[in-house]
Amino acid sequence: MPSVLDNEDLVAMHCDMIAARATSDRLWSLQRQGRIGTIAPIDGQEATTVGAAHALDPATDWIIPQYREPMALGRYGPEIMRRFVAWAIGHPAGGHIPEPHKVFPPQISLATQILHAVGLAWSIKLQKQPGVVLVFFGDGSTSEGDFYEAGNLAGVLKVPVIFVCSNNQWAISTPTSAQTAATSFASKAAAFGIPGVSVDGMDPVAVYDVVDAARDRALAGNGATLIEAVNYRLGAHTTADDPSRYVPDDELAWARERDPLVTFRRHIEDRGLWTRDLQRDAETAAETAFDEAWAWASNLPLKQTELFDHVFANLTTRQQAERDALHDHLGEPR
């Protein structure tokens, strides 16, 4: 795995992947207890998210996630986890971007975040600000018009955006073979006039390297890159899904042998960087971090009119009227 990463980076990446899996497992359990709403597990896609995040600078670079990735953004600070858990609970605080953090709230509208990413990157370019924008989306999003509109605009404007398509082989129950006739999702970059790269999304170092190169390209003023991170969804699409109805058993068994938490652990063990004690400590730290995030989010005071906050900088006339009406109905002071 040739890379500029040092040993501390490799260990940190593995710790972030462990934390992501632990968070995914805990949220799954809480949903089954009826304590949160529907969530999307990250199992199998940790390496893609962690590798990409570690190639960015949290002080200048923005991340626009879909609905899994915040679990694996430990590099961007514990506040991201707290806000994500609040989002899972359904609290309005989950939709807030706290300063100075540069991670958008998760969203579930297929592919719409790709347009937001290009708009943000265009703003960065116009204002001559430092940094790039990285947006995550799934293979199913590439069938949406928003993907093509955003990619075309990014190519024309040469904005500093990195598109990361997490090709986990299934768009809910639709396999990749039924999603596109293209040779790869990366090949779609040709329509936008930008580079397209396919990478092993189960290898965080490989993902790091291609994102790092795409970031250098964007910072040099050469525009966008489309990266297809080929991984495999090891669990359900969401807690409302039953993958046993459509995922072949032998295919899933093959993918589990390439589980990034297992293969990357073996890699750093072979390099003498990881031990059973470190594994135990990392798992304990992950559980503690989630407990703290859960305690913070579940004890947030709830003011129902906050659902109008952080939608627009200034409420529209209609939204203000609706907020006032809800204030009056609840008897809350304005």
Protein backbone atom coordinates (compact mmCIF):
# COMPACT_ATOMS: atom_id res chain seq x y z
CA MET A 1 0.00 0.00 0.00
CA PRO A 2 2.26 2.86 -1.17
CA SER A 3 1.17 6.12 0.40
CA VAL A 4 2.37 9.22 2.22
CA LEU A 5 0.52 8.10 5.34
CA ASP A 6 2.59 7.41 8.43
CA ASN A 7 1.97 4.78 11.10
CA GLU A 8 -0.07 7.11 13.30
CA ASP A 9 -2.36 7.87 10.36
CA LEU A 10 -2.96 4.18 9.71
CA VAL A 11 -3.84 3.52 13.34
CA ALA A 12 -6.14 6.56 13.43
CA MET A 13 -7.94 5.37 10.32
CA HIS A 14 -8.55 1.95 11.81
CA CYS A 15 -9.85 3.50 15.04
CA ASP A 16 -12.27 5.61 13.00
CA MET A 17 -13.52 2.53 11.16
CA ILE A 18 -14.05 0.69 14.45
CA ALA A 19 -16.00 3.66 15.80
CA ALA A 20 -18.14 3.79 12.68
CA ARG A 21 -19.07 0.10 12.93
CA ALA A 22 -19.81 0.43 16.65
CA THR A 23 -22.04 3.43 15.99
CA SER A 24 -23.84 1.59 13.22
CA ASP A 25 -24.47 -1.40 15.50
CA ARG A 26 -25.70 0.75 18.38
CA LEU A 27 -28.07 2.75 16.20
CA TRP A 28 -29.44 -0.44 14.68
CA SER A 29 -30.19 -1.74 18.18
CA LEU A 30 -31.80 1.53 19.26
CA GLN A 31 -34.02 1.54 16.18
CA ARG A 32 -35.15 -1.99 16.94
CA GLN A 33 -36.04 -0.77 20.44
CA GLY A 34 -38.20 1.95 18.93
CA ARG A 35 -36.01 4.73 20.35
CA ILE A 36 -34.94 6.27 17.02
CA GLY A 37 -36.25 6.31 13.47
CA THR A 38 -34.98 4.61 10.34
CA ILE A 39 -31.21 4.70 9.85
CA ALA A 40 -28.81 3.35 7.22
CA PRO A 41 -25.99 1.09 8.51
CA ILE A 42 -22.47 1.74 7.23
CA ASP A 43 -21.20 -1.86 7.44
CA GLY A 44 -18.74 -2.49 4.61
CA GLN A 45 -18.39 1.14 3.58
CA GLU A 46 -16.26 2.38 6.49
CA ALA A 47 -13.00 2.30 4.51
CA THR A 48 -14.42 4.49 1.74
CA THR A 49 -15.61 7.18 4.13
CA VAL A 50 -12.65 7.12 6.51
CA GLY A 51 -10.06 7.03 3.74
CA ALA A 52 -11.67 10.00 2.00
CA ALA A 53 -12.04 12.04 5.19
CA HIS A 54 -8.40 11.56 6.15
CA ALA A 55 -7.29 13.01 2.81
CA LEU A 56 -9.03 16.30 3.62
CA ASP A 57 -8.21 19.25 5.85
CA PRO A 58 -11.01 19.78 8.40
CA ALA A 59 -10.00 23.44 8.73
CA THR A 60 -10.75 24.26 5.08
CA ASP A 61 -12.46 21.34 3.34
CA TRP A 62 -16.19 20.66 3.37
CA ILE A 63 -17.93 17.27 3.44
CA ILE A 64 -21.49 16.82 2.22
CA PRO A 65 -22.66 13.35 3.29
CA GLN A 66 -25.67 11.30 2.39
CA TYR A 67 -27.07 9.30 5.32
CA ARG A 68 -24.34 6.86 6.42
CA GLU A 69 -21.10 8.78 6.32
CA PRO A 70 -21.32 10.92 9.50
CA MET A 71 -20.73 7.74 11.52
CA ALA A 72 -17.19 7.59 10.08
CA LEU A 73 -16.14 11.24 10.23
CA GLY A 74 -14.22 11.10 13.49
CA ARG A 75 -11.43 13.10 11.86
CA TYR A 76 -13.81 16.06 11.79
CA GLY A 77 -14.37 15.96 15.55
CA PRO A 78 -16.82 14.51 18.11
CA GLU A 79 -19.37 17.26 17.46
CA ILE A 80 -20.24 15.60 14.15
CA MET A 81 -21.17 12.39 15.95
CA ARG A 82 -23.31 14.23 18.49
CA ARG A 83 -25.20 16.06 15.77
CA PHE A 84 -25.67 12.85 13.80
CA VAL A 85 -27.16 11.07 16.81
CA ALA A 86 -29.45 14.07 17.33
CA TRP A 87 -30.48 13.72 13.69
CA ALA A 88 -31.23 10.02 14.25
CA ILE A 89 -33.38 10.91 17.24
CA GLY A 90 -35.21 13.47 15.13
CA HIS A 91 -34.08 16.55 17.06
CA PRO A 92 -33.70 19.82 15.07
CA ALA A 93 -30.13 20.17 16.41
CA GLY A 94 -29.21 17.37 14.00
CA GLY A 95 -29.75 19.76 11.12
CA HIS A 96 -27.36 22.41 12.40
CA ILE A 97 -23.79 22.96 11.19
CA PRO A 98 -21.86 24.14 14.27
CA GLU A 99 -18.96 26.49 13.70
CA PRO A 100 -16.19 25.88 12.77
CA HIS A 101 -17.16 22.41 11.56
CA LYS A 102 -17.57 21.88 7.84
CA VAL A 103 -19.88 18.88 7.57
CA PHE A 104 -23.40 19.29 6.23
CA PRO A 105 -26.25 17.45 7.99
CA PRO A 106 -27.21 14.08 6.47
CA GLN A 107 -30.15 13.94 4.09
CA ILE A 108 -32.19 11.21 2.40
CA SER A 109 -33.37 12.87 -0.84
CA LEU A 110 -31.54 10.86 -3.48
CA ALA A 111 -28.71 12.81 -5.18
CA THR A 112 -29.85 16.30 -4.15
CA GLN A 113 -26.73 16.81 -2.04
CA ILE A 114 -24.60 16.61 -5.20
CA LEU A 115 -26.13 19.87 -6.43
CA HIS A 116 -25.48 21.46 -3.03
CA ALA A 117 -21.84 20.42 -3.25
CA VAL A 118 -21.32 22.04 -6.63
CA GLY A 119 -23.02 25.22 -5.45
CA LEU A 120 -20.81 25.36 -2.36
CA ALA A 121 -17.69 24.69 -4.43
CA TRP A 122 -18.68 27.45 -6.84
CA SER A 123 -19.05 29.83 -3.89
CA ILE A 124 -15.57 28.87 -2.65
CA LYS A 125 -14.13 29.55 -6.09
CA LEU A 126 -15.90 32.91 -6.51
CA GLN A 127 -14.80 34.06 -3.06
CA LYS A 128 -11.26 32.75 -3.61
CA GLN A 129 -11.45 30.82 -0.35
CA PRO A 130 -9.16 27.89 0.45
CA GLY A 131 -10.42 24.35 0.45
CA VAL A 132 -12.45 21.86 -1.54
CA VAL A 133 -15.86 20.21 -1.24
CA LEU A 134 -16.25 16.42 -1.14
CA VAL A 135 -19.69 14.89 -1.62
CA PHE A 136 -20.66 11.27 -0.97
CA PHE A 137 -23.45 9.49 -2.82
CA GLY A 138 -24.40 5.96 -3.76
CA ASP A 139 -24.52 4.16 -7.08
CA GLY A 140 -28.30 4.63 -7.19
CA SER A 141 -27.83 8.40 -7.20
CA THR A 142 -26.09 8.20 -10.57
CA SER A 143 -29.48 7.37 -12.14
CA GLU A 144 -30.89 10.71 -11.00
CA GLY A 145 -30.92 13.82 -13.14
CA ASP A 146 -29.36 15.81 -10.29
CA PHE A 147 -26.14 13.80 -10.68
CA TYR A 148 -25.79 14.69 -14.35
CA GLU A 149 -26.76 18.33 -13.91
CA ALA A 150 -24.30 18.77 -11.05
CA GLY A 151 -21.50 16.94 -12.86
CA ASN A 152 -22.00 18.95 -16.02
CA LEU A 153 -21.99 22.27 -14.15
CA ALA A 154 -18.89 21.26 -12.17
CA GLY A 155 -17.06 20.41 -15.39
CA VAL A 156 -17.99 23.67 -17.08
CA LEU A 157 -17.14 25.86 -14.09
CA LYS A 158 -14.04 23.90 -12.98
CA VAL A 159 -15.10 24.13 -9.35
CA PRO A 160 -13.10 22.47 -6.53
CA VAL A 161 -15.41 19.53 -5.88
CA ILE A 162 -14.71 15.82 -5.44
CA PHE A 163 -17.53 13.42 -6.27
CA VAL A 164 -17.26 10.13 -4.35
CA CYS A 165 -19.67 7.49 -5.58
CA SER A 166 -19.81 4.67 -3.06
CA ASN A 167 -20.66 1.73 -5.30
CA ASN A 168 -21.81 -0.82 -2.74
CA GLN A 169 -23.34 -3.04 -5.46
CA TRP A 170 -26.96 -2.46 -4.38
CA ALA A 171 -29.28 0.54 -4.64
CA ILE A 172 -31.64 -0.85 -2.02
CA SER A 173 -32.48 -4.08 -3.91
CA THR A 174 -31.39 -2.97 -7.40
CA PRO A 175 -28.04 -4.52 -8.36
CA THR A 176 -25.35 -2.58 -10.21
CA SER A 177 -26.01 -4.66 -13.33
CA ALA A 178 -29.53 -3.22 -13.50
CA GLN A 179 -28.42 0.30 -12.59
CA THR A 180 -26.21 1.11 -15.57
CA ALA A 181 -24.91 -0.28 -18.85
CA ALA A 182 -21.69 1.74 -18.50
CA THR A 183 -18.44 -0.12 -17.93
CA SER A 184 -18.13 1.65 -14.57
CA PHE A 185 -19.65 4.58 -12.73
CA ALA A 186 -16.29 6.33 -13.00
CA SER A 187 -16.62 6.26 -16.80
CA LYS A 188 -19.56 8.65 -16.55
CA ALA A 189 -17.04 11.41 -15.83
CA ALA A 190 -16.30 11.58 -19.58
CA ALA A 191 -19.67 13.27 -20.14
CA PHE A 192 -18.61 16.05 -17.76
CA GLY A 193 -15.13 16.53 -19.15
CA ILE A 194 -13.50 15.60 -15.84
CA PRO A 195 -11.30 12.68 -14.73
CA GLY A 196 -13.00 9.51 -13.51
CA VAL A 197 -11.21 7.04 -11.24
CA SER A 198 -12.24 3.64 -9.85
CA VAL A 199 -10.67 2.52 -6.59
CA ASP A 200 -10.94 -0.36 -4.13
CA GLY A 201 -13.38 1.13 -1.62
CA MET A 202 -12.59 -1.61 0.90
CA ASP A 203 -9.03 -0.27 1.25
CA PRO A 204 -8.88 3.04 3.16
CA VAL A 205 -5.33 3.80 2.02
CA ALA A 206 -6.23 3.34 -1.64
CA VAL A 207 -9.19 5.67 -1.17
CA TYR A 208 -6.97 8.16 0.64
CA ASP A 209 -4.52 8.23 -2.26
CA VAL A 210 -7.08 8.94 -4.99
CA VAL A 211 -8.90 11.58 -2.90
CA ASP A 212 -5.58 13.20 -2.03
CA ALA A 213 -4.73 13.42 -5.75
CA ALA A 214 -8.18 14.80 -6.57
CA ARG A 215 -7.81 17.41 -3.83
CA ASP A 216 -4.43 18.53 -5.20
CA ARG A 217 -6.00 18.83 -8.63
CA ALA A 218 -8.91 20.90 -7.31
CA LEU A 219 -6.67 23.21 -5.27
CA ALA A 220 -4.55 23.81 -8.36
CA GLY A 221 -7.63 25.18 -10.13
CA ASN A 222 -8.11 22.19 -12.41
CA GLY A 223 -11.62 21.36 -11.27
CA ALA A 224 -13.60 18.31 -10.29
CA THR A 225 -12.90 14.58 -10.14
CA LEU A 226 -15.36 11.68 -10.04
CA ILE A 227 -14.21 8.77 -7.86
CA GLU A 228 -15.99 5.42 -7.84
CA ALA A 229 -15.17 3.59 -4.61
CA VAL A 230 -16.08 -0.04 -5.20
CA ASN A 231 -17.13 -1.67 -1.94
CA TYR A 232 -19.90 -3.97 -0.73
CA ARG A 233 -22.81 -3.31 1.57
CA LEU A 234 -22.48 -5.99 4.25
CA GLY A 235 -25.82 -5.28 5.90
CA ALA A 236 -29.22 -3.86 5.09
CA HIS A 237 -29.79 -0.71 3.07
CA THR A 238 -31.69 0.69 6.05
CA THR A 239 -33.44 -0.66 9.13
CA ALA A 240 -36.55 -0.93 6.92
CA ASP A 241 -34.84 -3.35 4.53
CA ASP A 242 -34.42 -7.15 4.46
CA PRO A 243 -31.40 -7.94 2.24
CA SER A 244 -31.82 -11.68 2.73
CA ARG A 245 -34.64 -11.46 0.16
CA TYR A 246 -32.35 -10.43 -2.67
CA VAL A 247 -28.62 -10.67 -1.80
CA PRO A 248 -27.14 -14.05 -2.84
CA ASP A 249 -25.68 -15.90 0.14
CA ASP A 250 -22.44 -16.84 -1.65
CA GLU A 251 -21.88 -13.27 -2.82
CA LEU A 252 -22.35 -11.89 0.69
CA ALA A 253 -20.03 -14.56 2.13
CA TRP A 254 -17.34 -13.54 -0.38
CA ALA A 255 -17.77 -9.88 0.55
CA ARG A 256 -17.56 -10.60 4.27
CA GLU A 257 -14.12 -12.09 3.71
CA ARG A 258 -13.10 -8.64 2.49
CA ASP A 259 -14.67 -6.78 5.43
CA PRO A 260 -12.43 -3.68 5.72
CA LEU A 261 -12.37 -3.87 9.51
CA VAL A 262 -10.84 -7.34 9.23
CA THR A 263 -8.51 -6.90 6.26
CA PHE A 264 -7.13 -3.55 7.38
CA ARG A 265 -6.61 -4.80 10.93
CA ARG A 266 -4.56 -7.69 9.55
CA HIS A 267 -2.54 -5.26 7.46
CA ILE A 268 -1.53 -3.06 10.39
CA GLU A 269 -0.99 -6.14 12.58
CA ASP A 270 1.47 -7.44 9.99
CA ARG A 271 3.29 -4.11 10.21
CA GLY A 272 3.50 -4.40 13.99
CA LEU A 273 1.17 -1.44 14.54
CA TRP A 274 -1.80 -3.22 16.12
CA THR A 275 -2.38 -5.64 18.99
CA ARG A 276 -5.30 -7.26 20.75
CA ASP A 277 -4.96 -4.73 23.55
CA LEU A 278 -5.18 -1.84 21.10
CA GLN A 279 -8.22 -3.47 19.49
CA ARG A 280 -9.92 -3.73 22.88
CA ASP A 281 -9.05 -0.14 23.74
CA ALA A 282 -10.36 1.15 20.42
CA GLU A 283 -13.62 -0.75 20.82
CA THR A 284 -14.04 0.60 24.36
CA ALA A 285 -13.31 4.15 23.20
CA ALA A 286 -15.88 3.78 20.41
CA GLU A 287 -18.58 2.63 22.81
CA THR A 288 -17.75 5.45 25.23
CA ALA A 289 -17.89 8.04 22.45
CA PHE A 290 -21.29 6.80 21.38
CA ASP A 291 -22.58 6.78 24.97
CA GLU A 292 -21.50 10.40 25.32
CA ALA A 293 -23.11 11.39 22.03
CA TRP A 294 -26.33 9.60 22.98
CA ALA A 295 -26.44 11.22 26.42
CA TRP A 296 -25.92 14.66 24.87
CA ALA A 297 -28.46 14.24 22.08
CA SER A 298 -31.17 12.51 24.10
CA ASN A 299 -31.07 15.21 26.78
CA LEU A 300 -31.35 18.17 24.44
CA PRO A 301 -34.26 20.45 25.28
CA LEU A 302 -36.89 20.35 22.57
CA LYS A 303 -38.68 23.44 21.37
CA GLN A 304 -40.95 22.31 18.58
CA THR A 305 -40.76 25.54 16.61
CA GLU A 306 -37.04 24.87 16.12
CA LEU A 307 -38.03 22.70 13.17
CA PHE A 308 -38.06 25.96 11.18
CA ASP A 309 -34.47 26.79 12.11
CA HIS A 310 -31.54 26.25 9.75
CA VAL A 311 -33.73 25.83 6.67
CA PHE A 312 -33.10 29.25 5.14
CA ALA A 313 -31.01 32.17 6.36
CA ASN A 314 -34.26 34.15 6.55
CA LEU A 315 -37.69 32.56 6.75
CA THR A 316 -40.07 33.12 3.86
CA THR A 317 -43.31 34.96 4.58
CA ARG A 318 -45.21 31.68 4.54
CA GLN A 319 -42.74 29.93 6.85
CA GLN A 320 -42.85 32.81 9.31
CA ALA A 321 -46.65 32.65 9.35
CA GLU A 322 -46.52 28.89 9.94
CA ARG A 323 -43.99 29.33 12.74
CA ASP A 324 -46.12 32.02 14.40
CA ALA A 325 -49.17 29.80 14.14
CA LEU A 326 -47.31 26.90 15.76
CA HIS A 327 -46.07 29.24 18.52
CA ASP A 328 -49.65 30.25 19.24
CA HIS A 329 -50.92 26.69 19.15
CA LEU A 330 -48.26 25.48 21.59
CA GLY A 331 -48.49 28.56 23.78
CA GLU A 332 -44.75 29.19 23.46
CA PRO A 333 -43.34 32.73 23.74
CA ARG A 334 -42.19 34.17 20.44
